[in-house]
Amino acid sequence: MQENLLSTREAALYLGVSEAFLERDRWVGARVQYIKIGSRAVRYRLQDLENYIQSCICKPTSYTDRK
């Protein structure tokens, strides 16, 4: 199974954030999972970007559970 790997620039475009956001994220603990290839190349899997998006979904503060 072959997966397409996205560069930092491509991942930033996909998420609608800056490249600097992803670079900072890697420094502070990587909420967005990434793959490091060799000593310098950083790549992102599409599924990891989708997982990050899902983890950012918030409920409205006025949400109440009705039965």
C-alpha atoms as a PDB file:
ATOM      1  CA  MET A   1       0.000   0.000   0.000  1.00  0.00           C
ATOM      2  CA  GLN A   2       1.471   3.310  -1.061  1.00  0.00           C
ATOM      3  CA  GLU A   3       0.472   6.544   0.644  1.00  0.00           C
ATOM      4  CA  ASN A   4       1.048  10.000  -0.707  1.00  0.00           C
ATOM      5  CA  LEU A   5       3.181  12.064   1.619  1.00  0.00           C
ATOM      6  CA  LEU A   6       2.736  15.824   1.723  1.00  0.00           C
ATOM      7  CA  SER A   7       5.459  18.378   2.282  1.00  0.00           C
ATOM      8  CA  THR A   8       5.106  21.004   5.007  1.00  0.00           C
ATOM      9  CA  ARG A   9       3.947  23.515   2.391  1.00  0.00           C
ATOM     10  CA  GLU A  10       1.325  21.127   0.993  1.00  0.00           C
ATOM     11  CA  ALA A  11       0.112  20.165   4.473  1.00  0.00           C
ATOM     12  CA  ALA A  12      -0.173  23.827   5.458  1.00  0.00           C
ATOM     13  CA  LEU A  13      -2.244  24.554   2.351  1.00  0.00           C
ATOM     14  CA  TYR A  14      -4.473  21.554   3.069  1.00  0.00           C
ATOM     15  CA  LEU A  15      -5.088  22.686   6.665  1.00  0.00           C
ATOM     16  CA  GLY A  16      -5.335  26.373   5.827  1.00  0.00           C
ATOM     17  CA  VAL A  17      -2.505  27.331   8.175  1.00  0.00           C
ATOM     18  CA  SER A  18       0.963  28.754   7.672  1.00  0.00           C
ATOM     19  CA  GLU A  19       4.083  26.654   7.280  1.00  0.00           C
ATOM     20  CA  ALA A  20       5.355  28.384  10.422  1.00  0.00           C
ATOM     21  CA  PHE A  21       2.366  26.971  12.355  1.00  0.00           C
ATOM     22  CA  LEU A  22       3.405  23.427  11.457  1.00  0.00           C
ATOM     23  CA  GLU A  23       7.072  24.139  12.186  1.00  0.00           C
ATOM     24  CA  ARG A  24       6.192  25.535  15.632  1.00  0.00           C
ATOM     25  CA  ASP A  25       3.885  22.586  16.251  1.00  0.00           C
ATOM     26  CA  ARG A  26       6.771  20.176  15.684  1.00  0.00           C
ATOM     27  CA  TRP A  27       8.858  22.079  18.253  1.00  0.00           C
ATOM     28  CA  VAL A  28       6.187  22.123  20.972  1.00  0.00           C
ATOM     29  CA  GLY A  29       5.003  18.544  20.867  1.00  0.00           C
ATOM     30  CA  ALA A  30       3.448  17.744  17.496  1.00  0.00           C
ATOM     31  CA  ARG A  31      -0.324  17.870  17.757  1.00  0.00           C
ATOM     32  CA  VAL A  32      -0.175  17.212  14.004  1.00  0.00           C
ATOM     33  CA  GLN A  33       1.637  13.912  13.518  1.00  0.00           C
ATOM     34  CA  TYR A  34       4.436  13.901  10.968  1.00  0.00           C
ATOM     35  CA  ILE A  35       7.055  11.594   9.497  1.00  0.00           C
ATOM     36  CA  LYS A  36      10.738  12.449   9.505  1.00  0.00           C
ATOM     37  CA  ILE A  37      12.662  10.960   6.616  1.00  0.00           C
ATOM     38  CA  GLY A  38      16.420  11.110   6.967  1.00  0.00           C
ATOM     39  CA  SER A  39      17.816  13.977   8.987  1.00  0.00           C
ATOM     40  CA  ARG A  40      15.834  16.829   7.417  1.00  0.00           C
ATOM     41  CA  ALA A  41      12.830  15.804   5.331  1.00  0.00           C
ATOM     42  CA  VAL A  42       9.456  16.161   7.078  1.00  0.00           C
ATOM     43  CA  ARG A  43       6.314  14.729   5.511  1.00  0.00           C
ATOM     44  CA  TYR A  44       2.676  14.450   6.511  1.00  0.00           C
ATOM     45  CA  ARG A  45       0.203  11.680   5.759  1.00  0.00           C
ATOM     46  CA  LEU A  46      -3.255  12.786   4.664  1.00  0.00           C
ATOM     47  CA  GLN A  47      -4.864  10.529   7.278  1.00  0.00           C
ATOM     48  CA  ASP A  48      -2.859  12.222  10.049  1.00  0.00           C
ATOM     49  CA  LEU A  49      -4.051  15.633   8.829  1.00  0.00           C
ATOM     50  CA  GLU A  50      -7.645  14.368   8.836  1.00  0.00           C
ATOM     51  CA  ASN A  51      -7.175  13.012  12.374  1.00  0.00           C
ATOM     52  CA  TYR A  52      -5.869  16.410  13.499  1.00  0.00           C
ATOM     53  CA  ILE A  53      -8.896  18.146  11.973  1.00  0.00           C
ATOM     54  CA  GLN A  54     -11.225  15.744  13.810  1.00  0.00           C
ATOM     55  CA  SER A  55      -9.418  16.396  17.094  1.00  0.00           C
ATOM     56  CA  CYS A  56     -10.097  20.132  16.722  1.00  0.00           C
ATOM     57  CA  ILE A  57     -13.881  19.830  16.571  1.00  0.00           C
ATOM     58  CA  CYS A  58     -15.433  21.649  19.529  1.00  0.00           C
ATOM     59  CA  LYS A  59     -18.927  21.527  20.934  1.00  0.00           C
ATOM     60  CA  PRO A  60     -20.651  24.879  21.353  1.00  0.00           C
ATOM     61  CA  THR A  61     -20.528  26.058  24.962  1.00  0.00           C
ATOM     62  CA  SER A  62     -24.326  26.300  25.037  1.00  0.00           C
ATOM     63  CA  TYR A  63     -24.685  22.636  24.024  1.00  0.00           C
ATOM     64  CA  THR A  64     -27.031  20.710  26.300  1.00  0.00           C
ATOM     65  CA  ASP A  65     -27.774  17.038  26.199  1.00  0.00           C
ATOM     66  CA  ARG A  66     -31.492  16.516  25.692  1.00  0.00           C
ATOM     67  CA  LYS A  67     -33.169  13.188  26.232  1.00  0.00           C
END
